[in-house]
Amino acid sequence: MSNRILAVSMAILTTLSGVSACHDVGASIAKVSASVESLASRFTEQRNLNFEQPDTGLLVRASGLAIASDGRIAVGDASEDNVKIYAPNGRLQKILGRKGDLPNEFRAPRWLRFGNAGNLYVVDAQLGRVEIYDSGLNYVRQIVLTNLGTLHSFALTKANEWVILASVTNTKAVIHLLDSLGAPTRSFLPIRDVRPVGTTSSAWFNSLADFRFAIRGDTAFVVSTVTDSLWWVDLHSGALGALHIPIPGYRPMREPQPSDHIPRTPAALFQHLKQFDAAAAIVKLPTQIVISFVRGVLNFGDPQTLAIFHDDATWTMVQDAGPL
């Protein structure tokens, strides 16, 4: 039976089998092969949801999304600096917050998550804090995230612990585990000196490095925009592991050299940047991890390749996933 996936997927991973974790991720990462399939053979569309767009509540630039157990949908709007709440049918119900630096205000509402009790957590990437709303979506309080580094992702465990992916430098990712009140309890450094194999650290690579992660059970899975590898860390033992992602046609990024021909037009520059694939997102499905790769830096509207990591430790590549 084909798996079902929404236009924006929200699901849970089951335990991976046949994968062993190691305590030190070195430069050598095991390479595996992958089968290539079409999108239609792997997924069927379950439904297509259109959000209501009244003049007083336009959704301009979605920056994050969460789905509550009752079907309500929370969407962060990075252009309007607020959070819009929609009914399961897409009808706009409520708008939370506004632009600003005070409590219940936002500069970049990037990551949204519903907790076990229906509370909504909204992480502001620019202000470095979490705004918390109760199950009725009434404002409760804010918690400032200090000394964690640059924020990249936020998730909740089944125990309502907070998991935050941050970076201490542009090439080193740190996972922080916080209790249900936002107090730090443990930290892990799962990825060290992230860069394409065979290259050295530089300002050019550092400026392109970004990280995404997904939580499945007690494991955090991490991808970076400058490599073709998947890392994971056990949030209790700290054990680490990594696998190469066998993307068809992938070419590792190469730092521009003085002898390179520099494109003279925007169109030529755009094509020049399409020489590599950048990890755009990591999504959870019941028995799989799906990593969306988009060719190029200016990747909006470009076709995607879906790298699917199955629970039997095999890979499938879907190359006709459509534009991002």
C-alpha atoms as a PDB file:
ATOM      1  CA  MET A   1       0.000   0.000   0.000  1.00  0.00           C
ATOM      2  CA  SER A   2       1.308   3.447  -0.873  1.00  0.00           C
ATOM      3  CA  ASN A   3       2.097   5.862   1.914  1.00  0.00           C
ATOM      4  CA  ARG A   4      -0.005   8.993   2.225  1.00  0.00           C
ATOM      5  CA  ILE A   5       1.561  12.428   2.396  1.00  0.00           C
ATOM      6  CA  LEU A   6      -0.024  15.867   2.714  1.00  0.00           C
ATOM      7  CA  ALA A   7       1.154  18.866   0.752  1.00  0.00           C
ATOM      8  CA  VAL A   8       2.893  19.777   4.014  1.00  0.00           C
ATOM      9  CA  SER A   9       3.641  16.505   5.826  1.00  0.00           C
ATOM     10  CA  MET A  10       3.311  16.065   9.580  1.00  0.00           C
ATOM     11  CA  ALA A  11       3.798  12.509  10.912  1.00  0.00           C
ATOM     12  CA  ILE A  12       5.778  10.300  13.306  1.00  0.00           C
ATOM     13  CA  LEU A  13       8.731   7.992  12.664  1.00  0.00           C
ATOM     14  CA  THR A  14       8.922   4.423  13.923  1.00  0.00           C
ATOM     15  CA  THR A  15      12.131   2.739  15.060  1.00  0.00           C
ATOM     16  CA  LEU A  16      14.808   2.164  12.437  1.00  0.00           C
ATOM     17  CA  SER A  17      16.074  -1.390  12.131  1.00  0.00           C
ATOM     18  CA  GLY A  18      19.371  -2.625  10.819  1.00  0.00           C
ATOM     19  CA  VAL A  19      21.217   0.607  11.644  1.00  0.00           C
ATOM     20  CA  SER A  20      24.039   0.725  14.165  1.00  0.00           C
ATOM     21  CA  ALA A  21      25.175   3.946  15.816  1.00  0.00           C
ATOM     22  CA  CYS A  22      28.769   4.868  16.553  1.00  0.00           C
ATOM     23  CA  HIS A  23      30.187   7.260  19.144  1.00  0.00           C
ATOM     24  CA  ASP A  24      32.395   9.262  16.800  1.00  0.00           C
ATOM     25  CA  VAL A  25      31.401  10.459  13.368  1.00  0.00           C
ATOM     26  CA  GLY A  26      34.574  10.802  11.348  1.00  0.00           C
ATOM     27  CA  ALA A  27      35.299  11.996   7.827  1.00  0.00           C
ATOM     28  CA  SER A  28      34.577   8.544   6.390  1.00  0.00           C
ATOM     29  CA  ILE A  29      30.827   7.951   6.047  1.00  0.00           C
ATOM     30  CA  ALA A  30      29.503   4.679   4.668  1.00  0.00           C
ATOM     31  CA  LYS A  31      28.048   4.913   1.157  1.00  0.00           C
ATOM     32  CA  VAL A  32      25.024   2.905   0.098  1.00  0.00           C
ATOM     33  CA  SER A  33      23.075   2.500  -3.122  1.00  0.00           C
ATOM     34  CA  ALA A  34      19.501   3.566  -3.764  1.00  0.00           C
ATOM     35  CA  SER A  35      16.583   2.627  -5.984  1.00  0.00           C
ATOM     36  CA  VAL A  36      14.904   5.373  -8.037  1.00  0.00           C
ATOM     37  CA  GLU A  37      11.117   5.580  -8.192  1.00  0.00           C
ATOM     38  CA  SER A  38       8.442   8.022  -9.313  1.00  0.00           C
ATOM     39  CA  LEU A  39       6.398  10.120  -6.912  1.00  0.00           C
ATOM     40  CA  ALA A  40       3.157   8.426  -7.953  1.00  0.00           C
ATOM     41  CA  SER A  41       4.522   4.953  -7.186  1.00  0.00           C
ATOM     42  CA  ARG A  42       5.568   5.982  -3.702  1.00  0.00           C
ATOM     43  CA  PHE A  43       2.884   8.449  -2.517  1.00  0.00           C
ATOM     44  CA  THR A  44      -0.768   9.231  -3.080  1.00  0.00           C
ATOM     45  CA  GLU A  45      -2.204  12.660  -2.336  1.00  0.00           C
ATOM     46  CA  GLN A  46      -4.545  12.493   0.640  1.00  0.00           C
ATOM     47  CA  ARG A  47      -5.978  15.993   0.373  1.00  0.00           C
ATOM     48  CA  ASN A  48      -5.134  19.482  -0.812  1.00  0.00           C
ATOM     49  CA  LEU A  49      -5.965  22.285   1.614  1.00  0.00           C
ATOM     50  CA  ASN A  50      -6.407  25.932   0.649  1.00  0.00           C
ATOM     51  CA  PHE A  51      -6.119  28.485   3.456  1.00  0.00           C
ATOM     52  CA  GLU A  52      -8.717  31.253   3.644  1.00  0.00           C
ATOM     53  CA  GLN A  53      -7.232  34.617   2.611  1.00  0.00           C
ATOM     54  CA  PRO A  54      -9.348  37.514   3.941  1.00  0.00           C
ATOM     55  CA  ASP A  55      -8.067  41.053   3.416  1.00  0.00           C
ATOM     56  CA  THR A  56      -7.518  41.424   7.180  1.00  0.00           C
ATOM     57  CA  GLY A  57      -5.540  38.187   7.494  1.00  0.00           C
ATOM     58  CA  LEU A  58      -3.546  37.453   4.369  1.00  0.00           C
ATOM     59  CA  LEU A  59      -0.995  34.665   4.652  1.00  0.00           C
ATOM     60  CA  VAL A  60       1.985  36.231   2.893  1.00  0.00           C
ATOM     61  CA  ARG A  61       5.051  34.081   3.618  1.00  0.00           C
ATOM     62  CA  ALA A  62       4.619  30.871   5.601  1.00  0.00           C
ATOM     63  CA  SER A  63       7.637  30.247   7.826  1.00  0.00           C
ATOM     64  CA  GLY A  64       6.466  27.346   9.974  1.00  0.00           C
ATOM     65  CA  LEU A  65       3.524  25.016  10.476  1.00  0.00           C
ATOM     66  CA  ALA A  66       2.068  22.778  13.195  1.00  0.00           C
ATOM     67  CA  ILE A  67      -1.073  20.622  13.297  1.00  0.00           C
ATOM     68  CA  ALA A  68      -2.932  20.078  16.587  1.00  0.00           C
ATOM     69  CA  SER A  69      -4.542  16.781  17.581  1.00  0.00           C
ATOM     70  CA  ASP A  70      -7.988  18.293  16.852  1.00  0.00           C
ATOM     71  CA  GLY A  71      -6.934  19.220  13.300  1.00  0.00           C
ATOM     72  CA  ARG A  72      -6.353  22.943  13.812  1.00  0.00           C
ATOM     73  CA  ILE A  73      -3.386  24.299  11.874  1.00  0.00           C
ATOM     74  CA  ALA A  74      -0.984  26.988  13.118  1.00  0.00           C
ATOM     75  CA  VAL A  75       1.070  28.781  10.463  1.00  0.00           C
ATOM     76  CA  GLY A  76       3.842  31.293  11.130  1.00  0.00           C
ATOM     77  CA  ASP A  77       3.891  34.261   8.748  1.00  0.00           C
ATOM     78  CA  ALA A  78       7.412  35.693   8.433  1.00  0.00           C
ATOM     79  CA  SER A  79       6.201  38.679   6.418  1.00  0.00           C
ATOM     80  CA  GLU A  80       3.406  39.753   8.773  1.00  0.00           C
ATOM     81  CA  ASP A  81       5.301  38.565  11.917  1.00  0.00           C
ATOM     82  CA  ASN A  82       2.334  36.760  13.413  1.00  0.00           C
ATOM     83  CA  VAL A  83       0.828  33.269  13.706  1.00  0.00           C
ATOM     84  CA  LYS A  84      -2.409  32.412  11.942  1.00  0.00           C
ATOM     85  CA  ILE A  85      -4.707  29.679  13.263  1.00  0.00           C
ATOM     86  CA  TYR A  86      -6.871  27.778  10.762  1.00  0.00           C
ATOM     87  CA  ALA A  87      -9.689  25.283  11.176  1.00  0.00           C
ATOM     88  CA  PRO A  88      -9.187  21.818   9.615  1.00  0.00           C
ATOM     89  CA  ASN A  89     -11.071  23.056   6.528  1.00  0.00           C
ATOM     90  CA  GLY A  90      -8.669  26.012   6.083  1.00  0.00           C
ATOM     91  CA  ARG A  91     -10.911  28.740   7.503  1.00  0.00           C
ATOM     92  CA  LEU A  92      -9.004  31.453   9.399  1.00  0.00           C
ATOM     93  CA  GLN A  93      -9.958  31.388  13.099  1.00  0.00           C
ATOM     94  CA  LYS A  94      -7.481  33.599  14.932  1.00  0.00           C
ATOM     95  CA  ILE A  95      -4.298  35.642  14.587  1.00  0.00           C
ATOM     96  CA  LEU A  96      -1.699  35.502  17.357  1.00  0.00           C
ATOM     97  CA  GLY A  97       0.830  38.279  18.000  1.00  0.00           C
ATOM     98  CA  ARG A  98       2.153  41.103  15.853  1.00  0.00           C
ATOM     99  CA  LYS A  99       5.476  42.619  14.799  1.00  0.00           C
ATOM    100  CA  GLY A 100       7.605  43.787  17.726  1.00  0.00           C
ATOM    101  CA  ASP A 101       9.972  42.835  20.546  1.00  0.00           C
ATOM    102  CA  LEU A 102       7.519  42.739  23.489  1.00  0.00           C
ATOM    103  CA  PRO A 103       5.825  39.584  24.837  1.00  0.00           C
ATOM    104  CA  ASN A 104       3.340  38.105  22.330  1.00  0.00           C
ATOM    105  CA  GLU A 105       5.202  39.865  19.506  1.00  0.00           C
ATOM    106  CA  PHE A 106       7.445  38.420  16.800  1.00  0.00           C
ATOM    107  CA  ARG A 107      10.298  39.183  14.448  1.00  0.00           C
ATOM    108  CA  ALA A 108      10.598  35.711  12.907  1.00  0.00           C
ATOM    109  CA  PRO A 109       7.989  33.109  14.017  1.00  0.00           C
ATOM    110  CA  ARG A 110       9.938  30.200  12.563  1.00  0.00           C
ATOM    111  CA  TRP A 111       9.128  26.937  14.401  1.00  0.00           C
ATOM    112  CA  LEU A 112       5.715  25.995  15.763  1.00  0.00           C
ATOM    113  CA  ARG A 113       4.819  22.921  17.805  1.00  0.00           C
ATOM    114  CA  PHE A 114       1.742  21.720  19.688  1.00  0.00           C
ATOM    115  CA  GLY A 115       2.468  20.006  23.030  1.00  0.00           C
ATOM    116  CA  ASN A 116       0.724  17.026  24.591  1.00  0.00           C
ATOM    117  CA  ALA A 117      -1.793  19.244  26.410  1.00  0.00           C
ATOM    118  CA  GLY A 118      -2.568  21.282  23.310  1.00  0.00           C
ATOM    119  CA  ASN A 119      -0.257  24.159  24.230  1.00  0.00           C
ATOM    120  CA  LEU A 120       1.289  25.958  21.271  1.00  0.00           C
ATOM    121  CA  TYR A 121       5.017  26.797  21.291  1.00  0.00           C
ATOM    122  CA  VAL A 122       6.318  29.367  18.802  1.00  0.00           C
ATOM    123  CA  VAL A 123      10.077  29.875  18.479  1.00  0.00           C
ATOM    124  CA  ASP A 124      11.218  33.276  17.232  1.00  0.00           C
ATOM    125  CA  ALA A 125      14.514  32.684  15.434  1.00  0.00           C
ATOM    126  CA  GLN A 126      15.518  36.338  15.406  1.00  0.00           C
ATOM    127  CA  LEU A 127      14.653  37.180  19.019  1.00  0.00           C
ATOM    128  CA  GLY A 128      15.874  33.815  20.339  1.00  0.00           C
ATOM    129  CA  ARG A 129      12.869  33.043  22.508  1.00  0.00           C
ATOM    130  CA  VAL A 130       9.777  30.831  22.788  1.00  0.00           C
ATOM    131  CA  GLU A 131       6.267  32.276  23.029  1.00  0.00           C
ATOM    132  CA  ILE A 132       3.830  29.882  24.755  1.00  0.00           C
ATOM    133  CA  TYR A 133       0.025  29.736  24.366  1.00  0.00           C
ATOM    134  CA  ASP A 134      -2.436  27.508  26.236  1.00  0.00           C
ATOM    135  CA  SER A 135      -4.773  24.982  24.588  1.00  0.00           C
ATOM    136  CA  GLY A 136      -7.289  27.784  24.015  1.00  0.00           C
ATOM    137  CA  LEU A 137      -4.531  29.756  22.250  1.00  0.00           C
ATOM    138  CA  ASN A 138      -4.426  32.402  24.964  1.00  0.00           C
ATOM    139  CA  TYR A 139      -1.003  33.933  25.583  1.00  0.00           C
ATOM    140  CA  VAL A 140       0.782  32.476  28.639  1.00  0.00           C
ATOM    141  CA  ARG A 141       4.419  33.569  28.772  1.00  0.00           C
ATOM    142  CA  GLN A 142       7.743  33.731  26.959  1.00  0.00           C
ATOM    143  CA  ILE A 143      11.034  31.973  27.658  1.00  0.00           C
ATOM    144  CA  VAL A 144      14.271  33.495  26.386  1.00  0.00           C
ATOM    145  CA  LEU A 145      16.810  30.995  25.022  1.00  0.00           C
ATOM    146  CA  THR A 146      20.260  32.155  26.118  1.00  0.00           C
ATOM    147  CA  ASN A 147      23.745  30.799  25.361  1.00  0.00           C
ATOM    148  CA  LEU A 148      22.477  28.114  22.968  1.00  0.00           C
ATOM    149  CA  GLY A 149      23.971  29.443  19.729  1.00  0.00           C
ATOM    150  CA  THR A 150      22.241  30.250  16.448  1.00  0.00           C
ATOM    151  CA  LEU A 151      18.855  28.515  16.332  1.00  0.00           C
ATOM    152  CA  HIS A 152      18.078  26.160  13.434  1.00  0.00           C
ATOM    153  CA  SER A 153      15.199  23.895  14.521  1.00  0.00           C
ATOM    154  CA  PHE A 154      12.866  23.133  17.440  1.00  0.00           C
ATOM    155  CA  ALA A 155      10.895  20.015  18.353  1.00  0.00           C
ATOM    156  CA  LEU A 156       9.103  18.358  21.272  1.00  0.00           C
ATOM    157  CA  THR A 157       9.535  14.787  22.529  1.00  0.00           C
ATOM    158  CA  LYS A 158       6.628  12.616  23.672  1.00  0.00           C
ATOM    159  CA  ALA A 159       7.554  13.605  27.239  1.00  0.00           C
ATOM    160  CA  ASN A 160       7.154  17.273  26.236  1.00  0.00           C
ATOM    161  CA  GLU A 161      10.885  17.907  26.502  1.00  0.00           C
ATOM    162  CA  TRP A 162      12.240  20.604  24.212  1.00  0.00           C
ATOM    163  CA  VAL A 163      14.852  19.694  21.616  1.00  0.00           C
ATOM    164  CA  ILE A 164      16.685  22.589  19.988  1.00  0.00           C
ATOM    165  CA  LEU A 165      19.190  22.362  17.147  1.00  0.00           C
ATOM    166  CA  ALA A 166      21.651  25.256  17.172  1.00  0.00           C
ATOM    167  CA  SER A 167      25.138  26.004  15.881  1.00  0.00           C
ATOM    168  CA  VAL A 168      28.108  27.325  17.842  1.00  0.00           C
ATOM    169  CA  THR A 169      29.916  28.071  14.587  1.00  0.00           C
ATOM    170  CA  ASN A 170      28.655  27.879  11.020  1.00  0.00           C
ATOM    171  CA  THR A 171      29.998  24.348  10.654  1.00  0.00           C
ATOM    172  CA  LYS A 172      29.262  22.797  14.074  1.00  0.00           C
ATOM    173  CA  ALA A 173      25.759  21.741  15.109  1.00  0.00           C
ATOM    174  CA  VAL A 174      24.696  21.321  18.740  1.00  0.00           C
ATOM    175  CA  ILE A 175      21.543  19.618  20.027  1.00  0.00           C
ATOM    176  CA  HIS A 176      20.193  20.949  23.327  1.00  0.00           C
ATOM    177  CA  LEU A 177      17.705  19.016  25.446  1.00  0.00           C
ATOM    178  CA  LEU A 178      15.535  21.160  27.747  1.00  0.00           C
ATOM    179  CA  ASP A 179      12.849  20.183  30.250  1.00  0.00           C
ATOM    180  CA  SER A 180       9.161  21.008  29.787  1.00  0.00           C
ATOM    181  CA  LEU A 181       9.705  24.436  31.358  1.00  0.00           C
ATOM    182  CA  GLY A 182      12.575  25.330  29.033  1.00  0.00           C
ATOM    183  CA  ALA A 183      15.481  24.727  31.432  1.00  0.00           C
ATOM    184  CA  PRO A 184      18.556  23.140  29.726  1.00  0.00           C
ATOM    185  CA  THR A 185      19.382  19.606  30.887  1.00  0.00           C
ATOM    186  CA  ARG A 186      21.838  18.145  28.328  1.00  0.00           C
ATOM    187  CA  SER A 187      23.735  19.127  25.186  1.00  0.00           C
ATOM    188  CA  PHE A 188      25.235  17.063  22.350  1.00  0.00           C
ATOM    189  CA  LEU A 189      27.643  18.004  19.568  1.00  0.00           C
ATOM    190  CA  PRO A 190      26.597  15.520  16.871  1.00  0.00           C
ATOM    191  CA  ILE A 191      28.168  17.228  13.862  1.00  0.00           C
ATOM    192  CA  ARG A 192      31.701  18.594  13.837  1.00  0.00           C
ATOM    193  CA  ASP A 193      33.230  20.663  11.051  1.00  0.00           C
ATOM    194  CA  VAL A 194      30.507  20.090   8.488  1.00  0.00           C
ATOM    195  CA  ARG A 195      31.734  20.682   4.937  1.00  0.00           C
ATOM    196  CA  PRO A 196      31.886  18.747   1.687  1.00  0.00           C
ATOM    197  CA  VAL A 197      34.380  15.876   1.709  1.00  0.00           C
ATOM    198  CA  GLY A 198      37.861  16.895   0.590  1.00  0.00           C
ATOM    199  CA  THR A 199      37.470  20.602   1.322  1.00  0.00           C
ATOM    200  CA  THR A 200      38.742  22.837   4.083  1.00  0.00           C
ATOM    201  CA  SER A 201      36.792  25.287   6.196  1.00  0.00           C
ATOM    202  CA  SER A 202      36.367  28.752   4.762  1.00  0.00           C
ATOM    203  CA  ALA A 203      34.115  31.769   5.056  1.00  0.00           C
ATOM    204  CA  TRP A 204      32.503  30.792   1.748  1.00  0.00           C
ATOM    205  CA  PHE A 205      31.375  27.370   2.982  1.00  0.00           C
ATOM    206  CA  ASN A 206      30.497  28.709   6.423  1.00  0.00           C
ATOM    207  CA  SER A 207      28.105  31.256   4.964  1.00  0.00           C
ATOM    208  CA  LEU A 208      26.168  28.455   3.230  1.00  0.00           C
ATOM    209  CA  ALA A 209      25.974  26.023   6.154  1.00  0.00           C
ATOM    210  CA  ASP A 210      22.532  25.477   7.678  1.00  0.00           C
ATOM    211  CA  PHE A 211      20.983  22.593   9.586  1.00  0.00           C
ATOM    212  CA  ARG A 212      17.587  20.855   9.807  1.00  0.00           C
ATOM    213  CA  PHE A 213      16.450  18.018  12.029  1.00  0.00           C
ATOM    214  CA  ALA A 214      13.516  15.747  12.871  1.00  0.00           C
ATOM    215  CA  ILE A 215      12.776  13.849  16.087  1.00  0.00           C
ATOM    216  CA  ARG A 216      11.657  10.207  16.075  1.00  0.00           C
ATOM    217  CA  GLY A 217      11.202   8.704  19.517  1.00  0.00           C
ATOM    218  CA  ASP A 218      14.444   9.401  21.409  1.00  0.00           C
ATOM    219  CA  THR A 219      16.541  10.006  18.294  1.00  0.00           C
ATOM    220  CA  ALA A 220      17.291  13.275  16.490  1.00  0.00           C
ATOM    221  CA  PHE A 221      18.121  13.050  12.771  1.00  0.00           C
ATOM    222  CA  VAL A 222      20.090  15.942  11.258  1.00  0.00           C
ATOM    223  CA  VAL A 223      20.917  17.120   7.733  1.00  0.00           C
ATOM    224  CA  SER A 224      23.027  20.064   6.559  1.00  0.00           C
ATOM    225  CA  THR A 225      22.753  22.234   3.455  1.00  0.00           C
ATOM    226  CA  VAL A 226      26.381  21.694   2.413  1.00  0.00           C
ATOM    227  CA  THR A 227      26.743  17.913   2.615  1.00  0.00           C
ATOM    228  CA  ASP A 228      24.995  14.790   1.386  1.00  0.00           C
ATOM    229  CA  SER A 229      24.925  12.962   4.735  1.00  0.00           C
ATOM    230  CA  LEU A 230      22.372  12.097   7.417  1.00  0.00           C
ATOM    231  CA  TRP A 231      23.452  12.169  11.077  1.00  0.00           C
ATOM    232  CA  TRP A 232      21.581  10.958  14.140  1.00  0.00           C
ATOM    233  CA  VAL A 233      22.092  11.223  17.897  1.00  0.00           C
ATOM    234  CA  ASP A 234      20.441   9.252  20.700  1.00  0.00           C
ATOM    235  CA  LEU A 235      19.068  11.891  23.067  1.00  0.00           C
ATOM    236  CA  HIS A 236      19.709   9.718  26.132  1.00  0.00           C
ATOM    237  CA  SER A 237      22.979   7.894  25.470  1.00  0.00           C
ATOM    238  CA  GLY A 238      24.557  10.500  23.195  1.00  0.00           C
ATOM    239  CA  ALA A 239      25.538   7.783  20.683  1.00  0.00           C
ATOM    240  CA  LEU A 240      26.156   9.159  17.182  1.00  0.00           C
ATOM    241  CA  GLY A 241      25.859   7.740  13.686  1.00  0.00           C
ATOM    242  CA  ALA A 242      25.960   8.892  10.071  1.00  0.00           C
ATOM    243  CA  LEU A 243      25.154   7.680   6.556  1.00  0.00           C
ATOM    244  CA  HIS A 244      25.855   9.012   3.085  1.00  0.00           C
ATOM    245  CA  ILE A 245      22.715  10.012   1.153  1.00  0.00           C
ATOM    246  CA  PRO A 246      23.050   8.557  -2.380  1.00  0.00           C
ATOM    247  CA  ILE A 247      21.493  11.413  -4.374  1.00  0.00           C
ATOM    248  CA  PRO A 248      21.520  10.707  -8.134  1.00  0.00           C
ATOM    249  CA  GLY A 249      23.687  13.235  -9.936  1.00  0.00           C
ATOM    250  CA  TYR A 250      24.894  14.911  -6.740  1.00  0.00           C
ATOM    251  CA  ARG A 251      28.074  16.939  -7.106  1.00  0.00           C
ATOM    252  CA  PRO A 252      29.721  18.210  -3.897  1.00  0.00           C
ATOM    253  CA  MET A 253      30.018  21.944  -3.569  1.00  0.00           C
ATOM    254  CA  ARG A 254      33.317  23.478  -4.623  1.00  0.00           C
ATOM    255  CA  GLU A 255      34.610  26.800  -3.433  1.00  0.00           C
ATOM    256  CA  PRO A 256      34.989  29.285  -6.332  1.00  0.00           C
ATOM    257  CA  GLN A 257      38.579  29.793  -7.461  1.00  0.00           C
ATOM    258  CA  PRO A 258      40.171  32.999  -8.857  1.00  0.00           C
ATOM    259  CA  SER A 259      40.564  31.239 -12.205  1.00  0.00           C
ATOM    260  CA  ASP A 260      36.834  30.440 -12.446  1.00  0.00           C
ATOM    261  CA  HIS A 261      34.755  32.265 -15.009  1.00  0.00           C
ATOM    262  CA  ILE A 262      32.424  34.580 -13.099  1.00  0.00           C
ATOM    263  CA  PRO A 263      28.940  34.763 -14.655  1.00  0.00           C
ATOM    264  CA  ARG A 264      28.074  38.268 -15.816  1.00  0.00           C
ATOM    265  CA  THR A 265      24.266  38.113 -15.780  1.00  0.00           C
ATOM    266  CA  PRO A 266      21.771  37.107 -13.044  1.00  0.00           C
ATOM    267  CA  ALA A 267      20.519  34.238 -15.221  1.00  0.00           C
ATOM    268  CA  ALA A 268      24.049  32.905 -15.743  1.00  0.00           C
ATOM    269  CA  LEU A 269      24.785  33.228 -12.030  1.00  0.00           C
ATOM    270  CA  PHE A 270      21.623  31.297 -11.224  1.00  0.00           C
ATOM    271  CA  GLN A 271      22.700  28.446 -13.486  1.00  0.00           C
ATOM    272  CA  HIS A 272      26.208  28.551 -11.982  1.00  0.00           C
ATOM    273  CA  LEU A 273      24.759  28.013  -8.519  1.00  0.00           C
ATOM    274  CA  LYS A 274      22.719  25.001  -9.650  1.00  0.00           C
ATOM    275  CA  GLN A 275      25.782  22.747  -9.601  1.00  0.00           C
ATOM    276  CA  PHE A 276      24.903  21.190  -6.258  1.00  0.00           C
ATOM    277  CA  ASP A 277      21.891  20.008  -4.273  1.00  0.00           C
ATOM    278  CA  ALA A 278      21.072  21.623  -0.906  1.00  0.00           C
ATOM    279  CA  ALA A 279      19.064  19.876   1.798  1.00  0.00           C
ATOM    280  CA  ALA A 280      15.899  21.921   2.211  1.00  0.00           C
ATOM    281  CA  ALA A 281      13.928  19.972   4.822  1.00  0.00           C
ATOM    282  CA  ILE A 282      13.628  16.704   6.703  1.00  0.00           C
ATOM    283  CA  VAL A 283      10.166  15.197   7.178  1.00  0.00           C
ATOM    284  CA  LYS A 284       8.882  12.312   9.327  1.00  0.00           C
ATOM    285  CA  LEU A 285       6.651   9.511   8.068  1.00  0.00           C
ATOM    286  CA  PRO A 286       5.465   6.386   9.935  1.00  0.00           C
ATOM    287  CA  THR A 287       8.318   4.110   8.788  1.00  0.00           C
ATOM    288  CA  GLN A 288      10.564   6.499   6.930  1.00  0.00           C
ATOM    289  CA  ILE A 289      12.583   9.698   7.004  1.00  0.00           C
ATOM    290  CA  VAL A 290      12.082  11.874   3.928  1.00  0.00           C
ATOM    291  CA  ILE A 291      14.733  14.477   3.102  1.00  0.00           C
ATOM    292  CA  SER A 292      13.870  17.024   0.438  1.00  0.00           C
ATOM    293  CA  PHE A 293      16.798  18.126  -1.723  1.00  0.00           C
ATOM    294  CA  VAL A 294      16.526  21.128  -4.051  1.00  0.00           C
ATOM    295  CA  ARG A 295      19.126  21.920  -6.685  1.00  0.00           C
ATOM    296  CA  GLY A 296      20.831  25.286  -6.263  1.00  0.00           C
ATOM    297  CA  VAL A 297      20.918  28.055  -3.672  1.00  0.00           C
ATOM    298  CA  LEU A 298      18.111  30.140  -5.162  1.00  0.00           C
ATOM    299  CA  ASN A 299      15.888  27.093  -5.015  1.00  0.00           C
ATOM    300  CA  PHE A 300      12.309  28.370  -4.865  1.00  0.00           C
ATOM    301  CA  GLY A 301      10.405  26.887  -7.787  1.00  0.00           C
ATOM    302  CA  ASP A 302      13.109  24.324  -8.542  1.00  0.00           C
ATOM    303  CA  PRO A 303      12.327  20.579  -8.758  1.00  0.00           C
ATOM    304  CA  GLN A 304      12.928  18.468  -5.692  1.00  0.00           C
ATOM    305  CA  THR A 305      14.565  15.104  -5.143  1.00  0.00           C
ATOM    306  CA  LEU A 306      13.152  13.198  -2.173  1.00  0.00           C
ATOM    307  CA  ALA A 307      15.678  10.992  -0.394  1.00  0.00           C
ATOM    308  CA  ILE A 308      13.665   8.388   1.544  1.00  0.00           C
ATOM    309  CA  PHE A 309      15.411   6.436   4.317  1.00  0.00           C
ATOM    310  CA  HIS A 310      13.367   3.322   5.167  1.00  0.00           C
ATOM    311  CA  ASP A 311      13.195   1.483   8.476  1.00  0.00           C
ATOM    312  CA  ASP A 312      15.216  -1.388   6.962  1.00  0.00           C
ATOM    313  CA  ALA A 313      18.129   1.043   6.325  1.00  0.00           C
ATOM    314  CA  THR A 314      17.597   1.177   2.539  1.00  0.00           C
ATOM    315  CA  TRP A 315      17.202   4.307   0.393  1.00  0.00           C
ATOM    316  CA  THR A 316      14.755   5.294  -2.332  1.00  0.00           C
ATOM    317  CA  MET A 317      15.124   8.402  -4.511  1.00  0.00           C
ATOM    318  CA  VAL A 318      12.064  10.167  -5.933  1.00  0.00           C
ATOM    319  CA  GLN A 319      13.202  12.619  -8.601  1.00  0.00           C
ATOM    320  CA  ASP A 320       9.885  13.988  -9.892  1.00  0.00           C
ATOM    321  CA  ALA A 321       8.599  15.522  -6.655  1.00  0.00           C
ATOM    322  CA  GLY A 322       7.758  18.832  -8.312  1.00  0.00           C
ATOM    323  CA  PRO A 323       8.832  22.374  -7.383  1.00  0.00           C
ATOM    324  CA  LEU A 324       9.352  23.555  -3.801  1.00  0.00           C
END
